[in-house]
Amino acid sequence: MFEIWETSEPARLISDAGSLKVALEKVDTMCRLRHDQAVAHVGEAGDGYHFEIRDHDGRALARLSYVPDTSRAYQSVVVDEMRGDEDGVP
């Protein structure tokens, strides 16, 4: 079991996931949402957004800082190698 946290102040639990692959997809979805909000000028990105994937004991396994770039379309923050896809094919 993994937990996905947004650690920007105030820190909040976003979701949980049964696998690391699903946890990465959920972080990617949150980054896409933050990008869409920035494009629509909803809220303020400030110094960006900070996410953690934690294990069942609460230890951070991965951290990501994301600053939306509204000058271009969203590009996934999760590369194929992180997803565990062979040859980039899902």
N, C-alpha and C. Protein backbone atom coordinates (compact mmCIF):
# COMPACT_ATOMS: atom_id res chain seq x y z
N MET A 1 0.84 -1.18 0.00
CA MET A 1 0.00 0.00 0.00
C MET A 1 0.89 1.24 0.00
N PHE A 2 0.52 2.20 -0.81
CA PHE A 2 1.25 3.46 -0.91
C PHE A 2 0.27 4.61 -0.65
N GLU A 3 0.79 5.71 -0.13
CA GLU A 3 0.01 6.92 0.08
C GLU A 3 0.59 8.02 -0.78
N ILE A 4 -0.29 8.85 -1.35
CA ILE A 4 0.15 9.99 -2.14
C ILE A 4 -0.21 11.24 -1.34
N TRP A 5 0.82 12.06 -1.06
CA TRP A 5 0.65 13.27 -0.28
C TRP A 5 1.02 14.48 -1.12
N GLU A 6 0.26 15.56 -0.97
CA GLU A 6 0.69 16.85 -1.48
C GLU A 6 1.29 17.55 -0.27
N THR A 7 2.59 17.80 -0.32
CA THR A 7 3.29 18.30 0.85
C THR A 7 3.45 19.81 0.86
N SER A 8 2.85 20.50 -0.13
CA SER A 8 2.79 21.96 -0.06
C SER A 8 1.97 22.29 1.18
N GLU A 9 2.25 23.43 1.80
CA GLU A 9 1.55 23.78 3.04
C GLU A 9 0.10 24.13 2.78
N PRO A 10 -0.83 23.60 3.51
CA PRO A 10 -0.65 22.53 4.49
C PRO A 10 -0.60 21.17 3.79
N ALA A 11 0.19 20.26 4.33
CA ALA A 11 0.29 18.92 3.76
C ALA A 11 -1.05 18.21 3.87
N ARG A 12 -1.37 17.43 2.82
CA ARG A 12 -2.63 16.68 2.87
C ARG A 12 -2.50 15.37 2.11
N LEU A 13 -3.15 14.37 2.64
CA LEU A 13 -3.22 13.07 1.98
C LEU A 13 -4.17 13.18 0.80
N ILE A 14 -3.70 12.82 -0.38
CA ILE A 14 -4.53 12.90 -1.58
C ILE A 14 -5.26 11.58 -1.81
N SER A 15 -4.52 10.49 -1.74
CA SER A 15 -5.11 9.19 -2.08
C SER A 15 -4.17 8.08 -1.61
N ASP A 16 -4.61 6.87 -1.82
CA ASP A 16 -3.72 5.73 -1.63
C ASP A 16 -3.74 4.90 -2.89
N ALA A 17 -2.80 3.98 -2.98
CA ALA A 17 -2.68 3.14 -4.17
C ALA A 17 -2.13 1.78 -3.76
N GLY A 18 -2.55 0.77 -4.48
CA GLY A 18 -2.11 -0.59 -4.18
C GLY A 18 -0.77 -0.96 -4.79
N SER A 19 -0.30 -0.14 -5.75
CA SER A 19 0.98 -0.42 -6.39
C SER A 19 1.71 0.89 -6.66
N LEU A 20 3.00 0.79 -6.86
CA LEU A 20 3.79 1.98 -7.17
C LEU A 20 3.37 2.57 -8.52
N LYS A 21 3.05 1.71 -9.48
CA LYS A 21 2.62 2.18 -10.79
C LYS A 21 1.36 3.04 -10.67
N VAL A 22 0.40 2.59 -9.90
CA VAL A 22 -0.84 3.35 -9.70
C VAL A 22 -0.54 4.65 -8.95
N ALA A 23 0.34 4.60 -7.97
CA ALA A 23 0.72 5.81 -7.23
C ALA A 23 1.34 6.85 -8.16
N LEU A 24 2.21 6.41 -9.06
CA LEU A 24 2.82 7.33 -10.03
C LEU A 24 1.77 7.93 -10.95
N GLU A 25 0.82 7.14 -11.38
CA GLU A 25 -0.26 7.65 -12.24
C GLU A 25 -1.10 8.70 -11.52
N LYS A 26 -1.33 8.48 -10.23
CA LYS A 26 -2.12 9.44 -9.47
C LYS A 26 -1.35 10.75 -9.29
N VAL A 27 -0.05 10.69 -9.07
CA VAL A 27 0.76 11.90 -8.99
C VAL A 27 0.72 12.63 -10.33
N ASP A 28 0.83 11.89 -11.42
CA ASP A 28 0.77 12.49 -12.75
C ASP A 28 -0.58 13.18 -12.97
N THR A 29 -1.65 12.53 -12.52
CA THR A 29 -2.98 13.13 -12.65
C THR A 29 -3.07 14.42 -11.85
N MET A 30 -2.50 14.46 -10.65
CA MET A 30 -2.52 15.69 -9.85
C MET A 30 -1.72 16.80 -10.54
N CYS A 31 -0.59 16.46 -11.14
CA CYS A 31 0.20 17.47 -11.85
C CYS A 31 -0.57 18.00 -13.06
N ARG A 32 -1.26 17.13 -13.77
CA ARG A 32 -2.08 17.56 -14.91
C ARG A 32 -3.19 18.50 -14.42
N LEU A 33 -3.81 18.17 -13.30
CA LEU A 33 -4.84 19.03 -12.73
C LEU A 33 -4.27 20.40 -12.36
N ARG A 34 -3.11 20.42 -11.73
CA ARG A 34 -2.47 21.69 -11.36
C ARG A 34 -2.11 22.50 -12.60
N HIS A 35 -1.67 21.82 -13.66
CA HIS A 35 -1.35 22.50 -14.92
C HIS A 35 -2.62 23.13 -15.49
N ASP A 36 -3.71 22.36 -15.54
CA ASP A 36 -4.97 22.86 -16.08
C ASP A 36 -5.48 24.05 -15.26
N GLN A 37 -5.32 23.99 -13.94
CA GLN A 37 -5.73 25.10 -13.09
C GLN A 37 -4.89 26.34 -13.37
N ALA A 38 -3.60 26.16 -13.58
CA ALA A 38 -2.72 27.29 -13.88
C ALA A 38 -3.09 27.93 -15.21
N VAL A 39 -3.40 27.11 -16.21
CA VAL A 39 -3.81 27.62 -17.52
C VAL A 39 -5.10 28.43 -17.37
N ALA A 40 -6.02 27.96 -16.52
CA ALA A 40 -7.30 28.64 -16.31
C ALA A 40 -7.20 29.77 -15.28
N HIS A 41 -6.00 29.98 -14.75
CA HIS A 41 -5.75 31.02 -13.74
C HIS A 41 -6.59 30.79 -12.48
N VAL A 42 -6.70 29.54 -12.06
CA VAL A 42 -7.39 29.18 -10.84
C VAL A 42 -6.34 28.90 -9.77
N GLY A 43 -6.35 29.66 -8.70
CA GLY A 43 -5.37 29.47 -7.64
C GLY A 43 -4.02 30.03 -8.04
N GLU A 44 -3.04 29.85 -7.17
CA GLU A 44 -1.69 30.34 -7.43
C GLU A 44 -0.69 29.21 -7.24
N ALA A 45 0.20 29.08 -8.21
CA ALA A 45 1.22 28.03 -8.13
C ALA A 45 2.33 28.41 -7.16
N GLY A 46 2.56 29.70 -6.99
CA GLY A 46 3.64 30.13 -6.10
C GLY A 46 4.95 29.51 -6.51
N ASP A 47 5.56 28.78 -5.59
CA ASP A 47 6.83 28.11 -5.91
C ASP A 47 6.60 26.70 -6.42
N GLY A 48 5.37 26.39 -6.81
CA GLY A 48 5.07 25.08 -7.37
C GLY A 48 4.36 24.20 -6.37
N TYR A 49 4.29 22.93 -6.72
CA TYR A 49 3.60 21.94 -5.91
C TYR A 49 4.57 20.83 -5.56
N HIS A 50 4.37 20.25 -4.41
CA HIS A 50 5.29 19.22 -3.93
C HIS A 50 4.49 17.99 -3.54
N PHE A 51 4.92 16.84 -4.04
CA PHE A 51 4.23 15.58 -3.81
C PHE A 51 5.20 14.54 -3.26
N GLU A 52 4.65 13.61 -2.49
CA GLU A 52 5.42 12.47 -1.99
C GLU A 52 4.61 11.21 -2.15
N ILE A 53 5.30 10.14 -2.46
CA ILE A 53 4.72 8.80 -2.40
C ILE A 53 5.35 8.15 -1.18
N ARG A 54 4.50 7.71 -0.25
CA ARG A 54 4.98 7.13 1.00
C ARG A 54 4.57 5.67 1.11
N ASP A 55 5.40 4.91 1.81
CA ASP A 55 5.05 3.50 2.04
C ASP A 55 4.08 3.39 3.21
N HIS A 56 3.70 2.17 3.55
CA HIS A 56 2.71 1.95 4.60
C HIS A 56 3.19 2.38 5.98
N ASP A 57 4.50 2.58 6.14
CA ASP A 57 5.05 3.07 7.40
C ASP A 57 5.21 4.59 7.42
N GLY A 58 4.80 5.25 6.34
CA GLY A 58 4.89 6.71 6.27
C GLY A 58 6.22 7.25 5.79
N ARG A 59 7.12 6.36 5.34
CA ARG A 59 8.42 6.80 4.83
C ARG A 59 8.28 7.25 3.39
N ALA A 60 8.89 8.39 3.07
CA ALA A 60 8.85 8.91 1.69
C ALA A 60 9.71 8.04 0.80
N LEU A 61 9.11 7.50 -0.27
CA LEU A 61 9.84 6.69 -1.24
C LEU A 61 10.22 7.51 -2.46
N ALA A 62 9.43 8.52 -2.76
CA ALA A 62 9.69 9.39 -3.92
C ALA A 62 9.12 10.77 -3.64
N ARG A 63 9.83 11.79 -4.12
CA ARG A 63 9.38 13.17 -4.00
C ARG A 63 9.41 13.81 -5.37
N LEU A 64 8.46 14.70 -5.61
CA LEU A 64 8.39 15.41 -6.87
C LEU A 64 7.97 16.85 -6.60
N SER A 65 8.71 17.78 -7.18
CA SER A 65 8.31 19.19 -7.18
C SER A 65 7.89 19.51 -8.60
N TYR A 66 6.75 20.19 -8.73
CA TYR A 66 6.20 20.47 -10.05
C TYR A 66 5.78 21.93 -10.12
N VAL A 67 6.27 22.63 -11.16
CA VAL A 67 5.87 24.00 -11.45
C VAL A 67 5.22 23.98 -12.83
N PRO A 68 3.94 24.32 -12.92
CA PRO A 68 3.26 24.29 -14.22
C PRO A 68 3.90 25.27 -15.21
N ASP A 69 4.10 24.80 -16.43
CA ASP A 69 4.59 25.64 -17.53
C ASP A 69 3.42 25.87 -18.46
N THR A 70 2.77 27.02 -18.30
CA THR A 70 1.55 27.30 -19.07
C THR A 70 1.83 27.75 -20.49
N SER A 71 3.10 27.82 -20.87
CA SER A 71 3.44 28.21 -22.24
C SER A 71 3.34 27.03 -23.21
N ARG A 72 3.07 25.83 -22.67
CA ARG A 72 2.96 24.64 -23.53
C ARG A 72 1.94 23.69 -22.94
N ALA A 73 1.55 22.72 -23.75
CA ALA A 73 0.61 21.70 -23.28
C ALA A 73 1.26 20.85 -22.19
N TYR A 74 0.45 20.25 -21.36
CA TYR A 74 0.97 19.40 -20.29
C TYR A 74 1.75 18.23 -20.86
N GLN A 75 2.89 17.95 -20.24
CA GLN A 75 3.67 16.76 -20.57
C GLN A 75 3.81 15.96 -19.29
N SER A 76 3.59 14.67 -19.37
CA SER A 76 3.62 13.79 -18.21
C SER A 76 4.91 13.95 -17.42
N VAL A 77 4.78 13.94 -16.11
CA VAL A 77 5.95 13.99 -15.24
C VAL A 77 6.50 12.60 -14.98
N VAL A 78 5.78 11.58 -15.44
CA VAL A 78 6.18 10.19 -15.23
C VAL A 78 6.66 9.62 -16.55
N VAL A 79 7.93 9.28 -16.60
CA VAL A 79 8.50 8.71 -17.83
C VAL A 79 8.22 7.21 -17.86
N ASP A 80 8.25 6.64 -19.07
CA ASP A 80 7.92 5.23 -19.24
C ASP A 80 8.73 4.31 -18.35
N GLU A 81 10.01 4.63 -18.15
CA GLU A 81 10.86 3.78 -17.32
C GLU A 81 10.36 3.72 -15.88
N MET A 82 9.78 4.82 -15.40
CA MET A 82 9.25 4.83 -14.04
C MET A 82 8.00 3.98 -13.93
N ARG A 83 7.23 3.89 -15.01
CA ARG A 83 6.01 3.10 -15.01
C ARG A 83 6.31 1.61 -15.08
N GLY A 84 7.52 1.27 -15.52
CA GLY A 84 7.88 -0.13 -15.67
C GLY A 84 7.47 -0.72 -17.00
N ASP A 85 7.08 0.15 -17.95
CA ASP A 85 6.69 -0.33 -19.27
C ASP A 85 7.91 -0.76 -20.06
N GLU A 86 7.81 -1.88 -20.72
CA GLU A 86 8.92 -2.36 -21.55
C GLU A 86 8.87 -1.65 -22.90
N ASP A 87 10.00 -1.13 -23.33
CA ASP A 87 10.14 -0.45 -24.62
C ASP A 87 9.15 0.70 -24.79
N GLY A 88 8.66 1.25 -23.65
CA GLY A 88 7.74 2.38 -23.73
C GLY A 88 6.34 2.01 -24.17
N VAL A 89 6.03 0.72 -24.24
CA VAL A 89 4.72 0.27 -24.68
C VAL A 89 3.93 -0.18 -23.46
N PRO A 90 2.76 0.45 -23.20
CA PRO A 90 1.98 0.05 -22.00
C PRO A 90 1.45 -1.35 -22.09
